[in-house]
PDB file of all heavy atoms in Angstrom:
ATOM      1  N   ALA A   1      14.709 -41.086  15.990  1.00  0.00           N
ATOM      2  CA  ALA A   1      15.953 -40.313  15.938  1.00  0.00           C
ATOM      3  C   ALA A   1      16.114 -39.211  17.068  1.00  0.00           C
ATOM      4  O   ALA A   1      16.956 -38.543  17.174  1.00  0.00           O
ATOM      5  CB  ALA A   1      16.230 -39.756  14.578  1.00  0.00           C
ATOM      6  N   LEU A   2      14.987 -39.044  17.851  1.00  0.00           N
ATOM      7  CA  LEU A   2      14.857 -37.965  18.838  1.00  0.00           C
ATOM      8  C   LEU A   2      15.990 -38.107  19.856  1.00  0.00           C
ATOM      9  O   LEU A   2      16.062 -39.073  20.644  1.00  0.00           O
ATOM     10  CB  LEU A   2      13.546 -37.928  19.424  1.00  0.00           C
ATOM     11  CG  LEU A   2      13.236 -36.553  20.285  1.00  0.00           C
ATOM     12  CD1 LEU A   2      13.225 -35.391  19.284  1.00  0.00           C
ATOM     13  CD2 LEU A   2      12.076 -36.637  21.062  1.00  0.00           C
ATOM     14  N   LYS A   3      16.874 -37.029  19.887  1.00  0.00           N
ATOM     15  CA  LYS A   3      17.939 -37.107  21.038  1.00  0.00           C
ATOM     16  C   LYS A   3      17.709 -36.037  22.146  1.00  0.00           C
ATOM     17  O   LYS A   3      18.068 -36.325  23.247  1.00  0.00           O
ATOM     18  CB  LYS A   3      19.262 -36.693  20.358  1.00  0.00           C
ATOM     19  CG  LYS A   3      19.746 -37.716  19.224  1.00  0.00           C
ATOM     20  CD  LYS A   3      21.008 -37.316  18.594  1.00  0.00           C
ATOM     21  CE  LYS A   3      21.476 -38.357  17.602  1.00  0.00           C
ATOM     22  NZ  LYS A   3      22.733 -37.934  16.953  1.00  0.00           N
ATOM     23  N   VAL A   4      16.974 -34.980  21.838  1.00  0.00           N
ATOM     24  CA  VAL A   4      16.843 -33.940  22.906  1.00  0.00           C
ATOM     25  C   VAL A   4      15.385 -33.614  22.998  1.00  0.00           C
ATOM     26  O   VAL A   4      14.704 -33.268  21.966  1.00  0.00           O
ATOM     27  CB  VAL A   4      17.583 -32.655  22.507  1.00  0.00           C
ATOM     28  CG1 VAL A   4      17.427 -31.570  23.502  1.00  0.00           C
ATOM     29  CG2 VAL A   4      19.091 -32.967  22.367  1.00  0.00           C
ATOM     30  N   LEU A   5      14.786 -33.828  24.210  1.00  0.00           N
ATOM     31  CA  LEU A   5      13.405 -33.382  24.418  1.00  0.00           C
ATOM     32  C   LEU A   5      13.439 -32.272  25.537  1.00  0.00           C
ATOM     33  O   LEU A   5      13.925 -32.609  26.696  1.00  0.00           O
ATOM     34  CB  LEU A   5      12.643 -34.632  24.978  1.00  0.00           C
ATOM     35  CG  LEU A   5      11.232 -34.206  25.390  1.00  0.00           C
ATOM     36  CD1 LEU A   5      10.321 -33.669  24.241  1.00  0.00           C
ATOM     37  CD2 LEU A   5      10.553 -35.616  25.829  1.00  0.00           C
ATOM     38  N   SER A   6      13.025 -31.067  25.277  1.00  0.00           N
ATOM     39  CA  SER A   6      13.024 -30.001  26.326  1.00  0.00           C
ATOM     40  C   SER A   6      11.703 -29.498  26.580  1.00  0.00           C
ATOM     41  O   SER A   6      11.018 -29.133  25.630  1.00  0.00           O
ATOM     42  CB  SER A   6      13.922 -28.889  25.651  1.00  0.00           C
ATOM     43  OG  SER A   6      14.241 -27.963  26.673  1.00  0.00           O
ATOM     44  N   VAL A   7      11.210 -29.657  27.893  1.00  0.00           N
ATOM     45  CA  VAL A   7       9.933 -29.273  28.190  1.00  0.00           C
ATOM     46  C   VAL A   7       9.987 -28.308  29.454  1.00  0.00           C
ATOM     47  O   VAL A   7       9.264 -28.587  30.489  1.00  0.00           O
ATOM     48  CB  VAL A   7       8.984 -30.449  28.583  1.00  0.00           C
ATOM     49  CG1 VAL A   7       7.544 -30.097  28.536  1.00  0.00           C
ATOM     50  CG2 VAL A   7       9.326 -31.713  27.677  1.00  0.00           C
ATOM     51  N   GLU A   8      10.888 -27.470  29.519  1.00  0.00           N
ATOM     52  CA  GLU A   8      11.215 -26.515  30.585  1.00  0.00           C
ATOM     53  C   GLU A   8      10.024 -25.482  30.678  1.00  0.00           C
ATOM     54  O   GLU A   8       9.337 -25.120  29.732  1.00  0.00           O
ATOM     55  CB  GLU A   8      12.489 -25.815  30.394  1.00  0.00           C
ATOM     56  CG  GLU A   8      13.703 -26.769  30.372  1.00  0.00           C
ATOM     57  CD  GLU A   8      14.999 -26.074  30.202  1.00  0.00           C
ATOM     58  OE1 GLU A   8      14.911 -24.858  29.907  1.00  0.00           O
ATOM     59  OE2 GLU A   8      16.059 -26.577  30.462  1.00  0.00           O
ATOM     60  N   ARG A   9       9.791 -25.032  31.923  1.00  0.00           N
ATOM     61  CA  ARG A   9       8.851 -23.935  32.188  1.00  0.00           C
ATOM     62  C   ARG A   9       7.376 -24.205  31.590  1.00  0.00           C
ATOM     63  O   ARG A   9       6.876 -23.584  30.783  1.00  0.00           O
ATOM     64  CB  ARG A   9       9.312 -22.568  31.483  1.00  0.00           C
ATOM     65  CG  ARG A   9      10.650 -22.152  31.958  1.00  0.00           C
ATOM     66  CD  ARG A   9      10.975 -20.776  31.580  1.00  0.00           C
ATOM     67  NE  ARG A   9      10.773 -20.558  30.154  1.00  0.00           N
ATOM     68  CZ  ARG A   9      11.659 -21.039  29.171  1.00  0.00           C
ATOM     69  NH1 ARG A   9      12.785 -21.621  29.437  1.00  0.00           N
ATOM     70  NH2 ARG A   9      11.342 -20.677  27.845  1.00  0.00           N
ATOM     71  N   ASN A  10       6.977 -25.432  32.187  1.00  0.00           N
ATOM     72  CA  ASN A  10       5.615 -25.900  31.691  1.00  0.00           C
ATOM     73  C   ASN A  10       4.861 -26.147  33.129  1.00  0.00           C
ATOM     74  O   ASN A  10       5.280 -25.776  34.073  1.00  0.00           O
ATOM     75  CB  ASN A  10       5.595 -27.139  30.866  1.00  0.00           C
ATOM     76  CG  ASN A  10       5.730 -26.597  29.384  1.00  0.00           C
ATOM     77  OD1 ASN A  10       4.848 -26.212  28.783  1.00  0.00           O
ATOM     78  ND2 ASN A  10       7.019 -26.631  28.866  1.00  0.00           N
ATOM     79  N   ASN A  11       3.801 -27.029  33.024  1.00  0.00           N
ATOM     80  CA  ASN A  11       2.935 -27.325  34.176  1.00  0.00           C
ATOM     81  C   ASN A  11       2.964 -28.838  34.426  1.00  0.00           C
ATOM     82  O   ASN A  11       1.947 -29.405  35.001  1.00  0.00           O
ATOM     83  CB  ASN A  11       1.530 -26.763  34.004  1.00  0.00           C
ATOM     84  CG  ASN A  11       1.432 -25.301  33.924  1.00  0.00           C
ATOM     85  OD1 ASN A  11       2.269 -24.575  34.442  1.00  0.00           O
ATOM     86  ND2 ASN A  11       0.550 -24.824  33.129  1.00  0.00           N
ATOM     87  N   LEU A  12       3.934 -29.536  34.186  1.00  0.00           N
ATOM     88  CA  LEU A  12       4.089 -31.033  34.402  1.00  0.00           C
ATOM     89  C   LEU A  12       4.223 -31.268  35.882  1.00  0.00           C
ATOM     90  O   LEU A  12       4.970 -30.653  36.579  1.00  0.00           O
ATOM     91  CB  LEU A  12       5.168 -31.591  33.695  1.00  0.00           C
ATOM     92  CG  LEU A  12       5.340 -31.586  32.152  1.00  0.00           C
ATOM     93  CD1 LEU A  12       6.646 -32.116  31.626  1.00  0.00           C
ATOM     94  CD2 LEU A  12       4.135 -32.405  31.613  1.00  0.00           C
ATOM     95  N   ASN A  13       3.287 -32.049  36.408  1.00  0.00           N
ATOM     96  CA  ASN A  13       3.501 -32.494  37.875  1.00  0.00           C
ATOM     97  C   ASN A  13       4.059 -33.916  37.931  1.00  0.00           C
ATOM     98  O   ASN A  13       4.239 -34.362  39.091  1.00  0.00           O
ATOM     99  CB  ASN A  13       2.138 -32.306  38.659  1.00  0.00           C
ATOM    100  CG  ASN A  13       1.028 -33.085  37.988  1.00  0.00           C
ATOM    101  OD1 ASN A  13       1.279 -34.116  37.320  1.00  0.00           O
ATOM    102  ND2 ASN A  13      -0.183 -32.613  38.240  1.00  0.00           N
ATOM    103  N   THR A  14       4.212 -34.703  36.870  1.00  0.00           N
ATOM    104  CA  THR A  14       4.987 -35.888  36.996  1.00  0.00           C
ATOM    105  C   THR A  14       5.913 -35.930  35.668  1.00  0.00           C
ATOM    106  O   THR A  14       5.782 -35.262  34.748  1.00  0.00           O
ATOM    107  CB  THR A  14       3.951 -37.037  36.823  1.00  0.00           C
ATOM    108  OG1 THR A  14       3.135 -36.964  35.558  1.00  0.00           O
ATOM    109  CG2 THR A  14       2.940 -37.087  38.045  1.00  0.00           C
ATOM    110  N   VAL A  15       6.824 -36.917  35.772  1.00  0.00           N
ATOM    111  CA  VAL A  15       7.724 -37.179  34.497  1.00  0.00           C
ATOM    112  C   VAL A  15       6.774 -37.872  33.557  1.00  0.00           C
ATOM    113  O   VAL A  15       6.036 -38.883  33.875  1.00  0.00           O
ATOM    114  CB  VAL A  15       8.914 -38.085  34.921  1.00  0.00           C
ATOM    115  CG1 VAL A  15       9.689 -38.515  33.681  1.00  0.00           C
ATOM    116  CG2 VAL A  15       9.739 -37.374  35.898  1.00  0.00           C
ATOM    117  N   PRO A  16       6.756 -37.437  32.305  1.00  0.00           N
ATOM    118  CA  PRO A  16       6.002 -38.042  31.325  1.00  0.00           C
ATOM    119  C   PRO A  16       6.136 -39.581  31.163  1.00  0.00           C
ATOM    120  O   PRO A  16       7.365 -39.955  31.057  1.00  0.00           O
ATOM    121  CB  PRO A  16       6.278 -37.397  30.045  1.00  0.00           C
ATOM    122  CG  PRO A  16       6.843 -35.958  30.475  1.00  0.00           C
ATOM    123  CD  PRO A  16       7.484 -36.237  31.851  1.00  0.00           C
ATOM    124  N   LYS A  17       5.133 -40.349  31.185  1.00  0.00           N
ATOM    125  CA  LYS A  17       5.262 -41.826  30.982  1.00  0.00           C
ATOM    126  C   LYS A  17       5.610 -42.157  29.641  1.00  0.00           C
ATOM    127  O   LYS A  17       5.116 -41.661  28.618  1.00  0.00           O
ATOM    128  CB  LYS A  17       4.030 -42.537  31.503  1.00  0.00           C
ATOM    129  CG  LYS A  17       3.568 -42.134  32.892  1.00  0.00           C
ATOM    130  CD  LYS A  17       4.659 -42.246  33.949  1.00  0.00           C
ATOM    131  CE  LYS A  17       4.031 -41.912  35.395  1.00  0.00           C
ATOM    132  NZ  LYS A  17       5.228 -41.995  36.414  1.00  0.00           N
ATOM    133  N   GLY A  18       6.577 -43.231  29.469  1.00  0.00           N
ATOM    134  CA  GLY A  18       6.877 -43.766  28.209  1.00  0.00           C
ATOM    135  C   GLY A  18       8.017 -43.120  27.586  1.00  0.00           C
ATOM    136  O   GLY A  18       8.331 -43.382  26.313  1.00  0.00           O
ATOM    137  N   LEU A  19       8.951 -42.466  28.303  1.00  0.00           N
ATOM    138  CA  LEU A  19      10.237 -41.915  27.763  1.00  0.00           C
ATOM    139  C   LEU A  19      10.912 -42.994  27.067  1.00  0.00           C
ATOM    140  O   LEU A  19      11.792 -42.698  26.230  1.00  0.00           O
ATOM    141  CB  LEU A  19      10.974 -41.254  28.806  1.00  0.00           C
ATOM    142  CG  LEU A  19      10.508 -39.866  29.346  1.00  0.00           C
ATOM    143  CD1 LEU A  19      11.267 -39.215  30.566  1.00  0.00           C
ATOM    144  CD2 LEU A  19      10.385 -38.832  28.214  1.00  0.00           C
ATOM    145  N   GLY A  20      10.915 -44.230  27.610  1.00  0.00           N
ATOM    146  CA  GLY A  20      11.684 -45.347  27.114  1.00  0.00           C
ATOM    147  C   GLY A  20      11.370 -45.668  25.662  1.00  0.00           C
ATOM    148  O   GLY A  20      12.142 -46.434  25.016  1.00  0.00           O
ATOM    149  N   LEU A  21      10.135 -45.136  25.237  1.00  0.00           N
ATOM    150  CA  LEU A  21       9.840 -45.490  23.740  1.00  0.00           C
ATOM    151  C   LEU A  21      10.628 -44.618  22.828  1.00  0.00           C
ATOM    152  O   LEU A  21      10.827 -44.959  21.615  1.00  0.00           O
ATOM    153  CB  LEU A  21       8.336 -45.239  23.584  1.00  0.00           C
ATOM    154  CG  LEU A  21       7.305 -46.142  24.255  1.00  0.00           C
ATOM    155  CD1 LEU A  21       5.925 -45.560  24.154  1.00  0.00           C
ATOM    156  CD2 LEU A  21       7.414 -47.512  23.685  1.00  0.00           C
ATOM    157  N   LEU A  22      11.223 -43.585  23.332  1.00  0.00           N
ATOM    158  CA  LEU A  22      12.144 -42.716  22.513  1.00  0.00           C
ATOM    159  C   LEU A  22      13.566 -43.331  22.627  1.00  0.00           C
ATOM    160  O   LEU A  22      14.304 -42.897  23.443  1.00  0.00           O
ATOM    161  CB  LEU A  22      12.129 -41.261  23.088  1.00  0.00           C
ATOM    162  CG  LEU A  22      10.772 -40.647  23.081  1.00  0.00           C
ATOM    163  CD1 LEU A  22      10.773 -39.315  23.862  1.00  0.00           C
ATOM    164  CD2 LEU A  22      10.208 -40.376  21.686  1.00  0.00           C
ATOM    165  N   GLN A  23      13.807 -44.289  21.779  1.00  0.00           N
ATOM    166  CA  GLN A  23      15.010 -45.161  21.936  1.00  0.00           C
ATOM    167  C   GLN A  23      16.302 -44.411  21.748  1.00  0.00           C
ATOM    168  O   GLN A  23      17.341 -45.024  22.153  1.00  0.00           O
ATOM    169  CB  GLN A  23      14.850 -46.305  20.949  1.00  0.00           C
ATOM    170  CG  GLN A  23      13.641 -47.283  21.256  1.00  0.00           C
ATOM    171  CD  GLN A  23      13.507 -48.411  20.316  1.00  0.00           C
ATOM    172  OE1 GLN A  23      14.202 -48.609  19.421  1.00  0.00           O
ATOM    173  NE2 GLN A  23      12.387 -49.184  20.613  1.00  0.00           N
ATOM    174  N   SER A  24      16.280 -43.293  21.105  1.00  0.00           N
ATOM    175  CA  SER A  24      17.548 -42.560  20.809  1.00  0.00           C
ATOM    176  C   SER A  24      17.761 -41.393  21.803  1.00  0.00           C
ATOM    177  O   SER A  24      18.687 -40.622  21.753  1.00  0.00           O
ATOM    178  CB  SER A  24      17.619 -41.965  19.390  1.00  0.00           C
ATOM    179  OG  SER A  24      17.630 -43.027  18.444  1.00  0.00           O
ATOM    180  N   LEU A  25      16.788 -41.160  22.843  1.00  0.00           N
ATOM    181  CA  LEU A  25      16.772 -40.121  23.671  1.00  0.00           C
ATOM    182  C   LEU A  25      18.027 -39.938  24.503  1.00  0.00           C
ATOM    183  O   LEU A  25      18.397 -40.876  25.195  1.00  0.00           O
ATOM    184  CB  LEU A  25      15.535 -40.116  24.487  1.00  0.00           C
ATOM    185  CG  LEU A  25      15.230 -38.883  25.305  1.00  0.00           C
ATOM    186  CD1 LEU A  25      14.888 -37.723  24.389  1.00  0.00           C
ATOM    187  CD2 LEU A  25      14.090 -39.012  26.365  1.00  0.00           C
ATOM    188  N   GLN A  26      18.785 -38.826  24.430  1.00  0.00           N
ATOM    189  CA  GLN A  26      20.022 -38.648  25.185  1.00  0.00           C
ATOM    190  C   GLN A  26      19.920 -37.502  26.285  1.00  0.00           C
ATOM    191  O   GLN A  26      20.601 -37.494  27.191  1.00  0.00           O
ATOM    192  CB  GLN A  26      21.193 -38.219  24.272  1.00  0.00           C
ATOM    193  CG  GLN A  26      21.534 -39.410  23.213  1.00  0.00           C
ATOM    194  CD  GLN A  26      22.632 -38.925  22.313  1.00  0.00           C
ATOM    195  OE1 GLN A  26      23.324 -37.939  22.487  1.00  0.00           O
ATOM    196  NE2 GLN A  26      22.895 -39.821  21.297  1.00  0.00           N
ATOM    197  N   THR A  27      18.987 -36.526  26.039  1.00  0.00           N
ATOM    198  CA  THR A  27      18.914 -35.400  26.874  1.00  0.00           C
ATOM    199  C   THR A  27      17.433 -35.068  27.163  1.00  0.00           C
ATOM    200  O   THR A  27      16.599 -34.956  26.250  1.00  0.00           O
ATOM    201  CB  THR A  27      19.590 -34.140  26.304  1.00  0.00           C
ATOM    202  OG1 THR A  27      20.907 -34.504  26.009  1.00  0.00           O
ATOM    203  CG2 THR A  27      19.423 -32.911  27.109  1.00  0.00           C
ATOM    204  N   VAL A  28      17.170 -34.909  28.396  1.00  0.00           N
ATOM    205  CA  VAL A  28      15.696 -34.517  28.868  1.00  0.00           C
ATOM    206  C   VAL A  28      15.957 -33.355  29.793  1.00  0.00           C
ATOM    207  O   VAL A  28      16.572 -33.436  30.706  1.00  0.00           O
ATOM    208  CB  VAL A  28      15.055 -35.680  29.659  1.00  0.00           C
ATOM    209  CG1 VAL A  28      13.612 -35.183  30.005  1.00  0.00           C
ATOM    210  CG2 VAL A  28      14.909 -36.892  28.700  1.00  0.00           C
ATOM    211  N   HIS A  29      15.273 -32.173  29.383  1.00  0.00           N
ATOM    212  CA  HIS A  29      15.272 -30.983  30.162  1.00  0.00           C
ATOM    213  C   HIS A  29      13.854 -30.715  30.605  1.00  0.00           C
ATOM    214  O   HIS A  29      12.933 -30.409  29.816  1.00  0.00           O
ATOM    215  CB  HIS A  29      15.668 -29.802  29.304  1.00  0.00           C
ATOM    216  CG  HIS A  29      17.168 -29.799  29.138  1.00  0.00           C
ATOM    217  ND1 HIS A  29      17.785 -28.984  28.182  1.00  0.00           N
ATOM    218  CD2 HIS A  29      18.100 -30.587  29.686  1.00  0.00           C
ATOM    219  CE1 HIS A  29      19.188 -29.307  28.145  1.00  0.00           C
ATOM    220  NE2 HIS A  29      19.420 -30.300  29.049  1.00  0.00           N
ATOM    221  N   MET A  30      13.613 -30.813  31.965  1.00  0.00           N
ATOM    222  CA  MET A  30      12.272 -30.649  32.483  1.00  0.00           C
ATOM    223  C   MET A  30      12.284 -29.664  33.671  1.00  0.00           C
ATOM    224  O   MET A  30      11.536 -29.798  34.657  1.00  0.00           O
ATOM    225  CB  MET A  30      11.626 -32.012  32.975  1.00  0.00           C
ATOM    226  CG  MET A  30      11.380 -32.855  31.742  1.00  0.00           C
ATOM    227  SD  MET A  30      10.618 -34.480  32.299  1.00  0.00           S
ATOM    228  CE  MET A  30      11.972 -35.345  32.933  1.00  0.00           C
ATOM    229  N   SER A  31      13.241 -28.734  33.635  1.00  0.00           N
ATOM    230  CA  SER A  31      13.348 -27.797  34.837  1.00  0.00           C
ATOM    231  C   SER A  31      12.056 -26.898  34.812  1.00  0.00           C
ATOM    232  O   SER A  31      11.429 -26.618  33.700  1.00  0.00           O
ATOM    233  CB  SER A  31      14.601 -26.901  34.743  1.00  0.00           C
ATOM    234  OG  SER A  31      14.600 -26.123  33.446  1.00  0.00           O
ATOM    235  N   SER A  32      11.852 -26.179  35.979  1.00  0.00           N
ATOM    236  CA  SER A  32      10.745 -25.295  36.133  1.00  0.00           C
ATOM    237  C   SER A  32       9.437 -25.811  35.806  1.00  0.00           C
ATOM    238  O   SER A  32       8.649 -25.198  34.935  1.00  0.00           O
ATOM    239  CB  SER A  32      11.114 -23.958  35.311  1.00  0.00           C
ATOM    240  OG  SER A  32      12.393 -23.414  35.743  1.00  0.00           O
ATOM    241  N   ASN A  33       9.094 -26.958  36.389  1.00  0.00           N
ATOM    242  CA  ASN A  33       7.803 -27.490  36.298  1.00  0.00           C
ATOM    243  C   ASN A  33       7.166 -27.691  37.704  1.00  0.00           C
ATOM    244  O   ASN A  33       7.669 -27.001  38.657  1.00  0.00           O
ATOM    245  CB  ASN A  33       7.713 -28.873  35.531  1.00  0.00           C
ATOM    246  CG  ASN A  33       7.815 -28.590  33.958  1.00  0.00           C
ATOM    247  OD1 ASN A  33       6.778 -28.455  33.376  1.00  0.00           O
ATOM    248  ND2 ASN A  33       8.975 -28.687  33.423  1.00  0.00           N
ATOM    249  N   ALA A  34       6.369 -28.616  37.852  1.00  0.00           N
ATOM    250  CA  ALA A  34       5.804 -28.802  39.169  1.00  0.00           C
ATOM    251  C   ALA A  34       5.963 -30.312  39.653  1.00  0.00           C
ATOM    252  O   ALA A  34       5.002 -30.859  40.279  1.00  0.00           O
ATOM    253  CB  ALA A  34       4.279 -28.268  39.316  1.00  0.00           C
ATOM    254  N   ILE A  35       6.920 -30.919  39.133  1.00  0.00           N
ATOM    255  CA  ILE A  35       7.127 -32.421  39.360  1.00  0.00           C
ATOM    256  C   ILE A  35       7.400 -32.594  40.918  1.00  0.00           C
ATOM    257  O   ILE A  35       8.161 -32.035  41.496  1.00  0.00           O
ATOM    258  CB  ILE A  35       8.249 -32.890  38.478  1.00  0.00           C
ATOM    259  CG1 ILE A  35       7.866 -32.826  36.980  1.00  0.00           C
ATOM    260  CG2 ILE A  35       8.633 -34.391  38.792  1.00  0.00           C
ATOM    261  CD1 ILE A  35       9.110 -33.113  36.081  1.00  0.00           C
ATOM    262  N   GLN A  36       6.675 -33.560  41.392  1.00  0.00           N
ATOM    263  CA  GLN A  36       6.789 -33.826  42.858  1.00  0.00           C
ATOM    264  C   GLN A  36       7.567 -35.058  43.311  1.00  0.00           C
ATOM    265  O   GLN A  36       8.092 -35.124  44.393  1.00  0.00           O
ATOM    266  CB  GLN A  36       5.321 -33.962  43.384  1.00  0.00           C
ATOM    267  CG  GLN A  36       4.385 -32.729  43.126  1.00  0.00           C
ATOM    268  CD  GLN A  36       3.041 -32.941  43.652  1.00  0.00           C
ATOM    269  OE1 GLN A  36       2.721 -33.714  44.443  1.00  0.00           O
ATOM    270  NE2 GLN A  36       2.137 -32.109  43.090  1.00  0.00           N
ATOM    271  N   GLN A  37       7.715 -36.022  42.471  1.00  0.00           N
ATOM    272  CA  GLN A  37       8.508 -37.124  42.794  1.00  0.00           C
ATOM    273  C   GLN A  37       9.061 -37.926  41.547  1.00  0.00           C
ATOM    274  O   GLN A  37       8.513 -37.739  40.408  1.00  0.00           O
ATOM    275  CB  GLN A  37       7.761 -38.154  43.667  1.00  0.00           C
ATOM    276  CG  GLN A  37       6.603 -38.822  43.040  1.00  0.00           C
ATOM    277  CD  GLN A  37       5.827 -39.712  43.913  1.00  0.00           C
ATOM    278  OE1 GLN A  37       5.554 -39.340  45.128  1.00  0.00           O
ATOM    279  NE2 GLN A  37       5.580 -41.010  43.611  1.00  0.00           N
ATOM    280  N   ILE A  38      10.097 -38.689  41.783  1.00  0.00           N
ATOM    281  CA  ILE A  38      10.564 -39.450  40.654  1.00  0.00           C
ATOM    282  C   ILE A  38      10.352 -40.961  41.069  1.00  0.00           C
ATOM    283  O   ILE A  38      10.855 -41.495  42.054  1.00  0.00           O
ATOM    284  CB  ILE A  38      12.157 -39.222  40.471  1.00  0.00           C
ATOM    285  CG1 ILE A  38      12.391 -37.773  40.316  1.00  0.00           C
ATOM    286  CG2 ILE A  38      12.613 -39.961  39.213  1.00  0.00           C
ATOM    287  CD1 ILE A  38      11.704 -37.176  39.139  1.00  0.00           C
ATOM    288  N   ASP A  39       9.621 -41.689  40.218  1.00  0.00           N
ATOM    289  CA  ASP A  39       9.261 -43.094  40.401  1.00  0.00           C
ATOM    290  C   ASP A  39      10.236 -44.025  39.841  1.00  0.00           C
ATOM    291  O   ASP A  39      10.902 -43.551  38.800  1.00  0.00           O
ATOM    292  CB  ASP A  39       7.856 -43.404  39.906  1.00  0.00           C
ATOM    293  CG  ASP A  39       6.828 -42.580  40.798  1.00  0.00           C
ATOM    294  OD1 ASP A  39       6.957 -42.354  41.960  1.00  0.00           O
ATOM    295  OD2 ASP A  39       5.740 -42.139  40.180  1.00  0.00           O
ATOM    296  N   PRO A  40      10.291 -45.272  40.233  1.00  0.00           N
ATOM    297  CA  PRO A  40      11.341 -46.095  39.651  1.00  0.00           C
ATOM    298  C   PRO A  40      11.149 -46.409  38.158  1.00  0.00           C
ATOM    299  O   PRO A  40      12.173 -46.873  37.472  1.00  0.00           O
ATOM    300  CB  PRO A  40      11.096 -47.520  40.461  1.00  0.00           C
ATOM    301  CG  PRO A  40       9.707 -47.343  41.053  1.00  0.00           C
ATOM    302  CD  PRO A  40       9.458 -45.928  41.217  1.00  0.00           C
ATOM    303  N   LYS A  41      10.095 -46.338  37.597  1.00  0.00           N
ATOM    304  CA  LYS A  41       9.713 -46.597  36.165  1.00  0.00           C
ATOM    305  C   LYS A  41       9.885 -45.281  35.225  1.00  0.00           C
ATOM    306  O   LYS A  41       9.641 -45.430  34.041  1.00  0.00           O
ATOM    307  CB  LYS A  41       8.515 -47.301  35.946  1.00  0.00           C
ATOM    308  CG  LYS A  41       8.491 -48.714  36.533  1.00  0.00           C
ATOM    309  CD  LYS A  41       7.264 -49.482  36.239  1.00  0.00           C
ATOM    310  CE  LYS A  41       7.170 -50.821  36.744  1.00  0.00           C
ATOM    311  NZ  LYS A  41       5.990 -51.686  36.558  1.00  0.00           N
ATOM    312  N   ASP A  42      10.012 -44.147  35.833  1.00  0.00           N
ATOM    313  CA  ASP A  42       9.970 -42.884  35.082  1.00  0.00           C
ATOM    314  C   ASP A  42      11.049 -42.814  33.915  1.00  0.00           C
ATOM    315  O   ASP A  42      10.785 -42.451  32.896  1.00  0.00           O
ATOM    316  CB  ASP A  42      10.222 -41.775  35.925  1.00  0.00           C
ATOM    317  CG  ASP A  42       8.940 -41.396  36.661  1.00  0.00           C
ATOM    318  OD1 ASP A  42       7.864 -41.914  36.382  1.00  0.00           O
ATOM    319  OD2 ASP A  42       9.038 -40.546  37.709  1.00  0.00           O
ATOM    320  N   PHE A  43      12.211 -43.473  34.258  1.00  0.00           N
ATOM    321  CA  PHE A  43      13.300 -43.387  33.252  1.00  0.00           C
ATOM    322  C   PHE A  43      13.607 -44.888  32.746  1.00  0.00           C
ATOM    323  O   PHE A  43      14.753 -45.150  32.243  1.00  0.00           O
ATOM    324  CB  PHE A  43      14.509 -42.762  33.769  1.00  0.00           C
ATOM    325  CG  PHE A  43      14.368 -41.272  34.055  1.00  0.00           C
ATOM    326  CD1 PHE A  43      14.155 -40.815  35.339  1.00  0.00           C
ATOM    327  CD2 PHE A  43      14.139 -40.344  33.004  1.00  0.00           C
ATOM    328  CE1 PHE A  43      13.894 -39.542  35.583  1.00  0.00           C
ATOM    329  CE2 PHE A  43      13.994 -39.013  33.325  1.00  0.00           C
ATOM    330  CZ  PHE A  43      13.833 -38.611  34.562  1.00  0.00           C
ATOM    331  N   GLN A  44      12.615 -45.762  33.016  1.00  0.00           N
ATOM    332  CA  GLN A  44      12.892 -47.140  32.601  1.00  0.00           C
ATOM    333  C   GLN A  44      13.026 -47.260  31.062  1.00  0.00           C
ATOM    334  O   GLN A  44      12.445 -46.711  30.260  1.00  0.00           O
ATOM    335  CB  GLN A  44      11.697 -48.010  32.957  1.00  0.00           C
ATOM    336  CG  GLN A  44      11.859 -49.512  32.805  1.00  0.00           C
ATOM    337  CD  GLN A  44      10.636 -50.282  33.328  1.00  0.00           C
ATOM    338  OE1 GLN A  44       9.545 -49.790  33.304  1.00  0.00           O
ATOM    339  NE2 GLN A  44      10.964 -51.395  33.926  1.00  0.00           N
ATOM    340  N   ASN A  45      14.081 -47.999  30.640  1.00  0.00           N
ATOM    341  CA  ASN A  45      14.378 -48.276  29.177  1.00  0.00           C
ATOM    342  C   ASN A  45      15.003 -47.124  28.508  1.00  0.00           C
ATOM    343  O   ASN A  45      15.123 -47.142  27.335  1.00  0.00           O
ATOM    344  CB  ASN A  45      13.137 -48.867  28.475  1.00  0.00           C
ATOM    345  CG  ASN A  45      12.578 -50.074  28.986  1.00  0.00           C
ATOM    346  OD1 ASN A  45      13.421 -51.041  29.330  1.00  0.00           O
ATOM    347  ND2 ASN A  45      11.275 -50.245  29.092  1.00  0.00           N
ATOM    348  N   CYS A  46      15.387 -46.146  29.239  1.00  0.00           N
ATOM    349  CA  CYS A  46      15.968 -44.939  28.630  1.00  0.00           C
ATOM    350  C   CYS A  46      17.481 -45.294  28.567  1.00  0.00           C
ATOM    351  O   CYS A  46      18.272 -44.481  29.099  1.00  0.00           O
ATOM    352  CB  CYS A  46      15.781 -43.670  29.359  1.00  0.00           C
ATOM    353  SG  CYS A  46      13.992 -43.183  29.387  1.00  0.00           S
TER     354      CYS A  46
END
């Protein structure tokens, strides 16, 4: 049932793998991290 995942102001350097497993996810907030690139599978199945 998870709709909102907020991980702002942390130390992530990549988009967490497996976001597509959260089948109800509608909102992802990852501002103010250290993410360097967005890969083709980062938001796969979202």
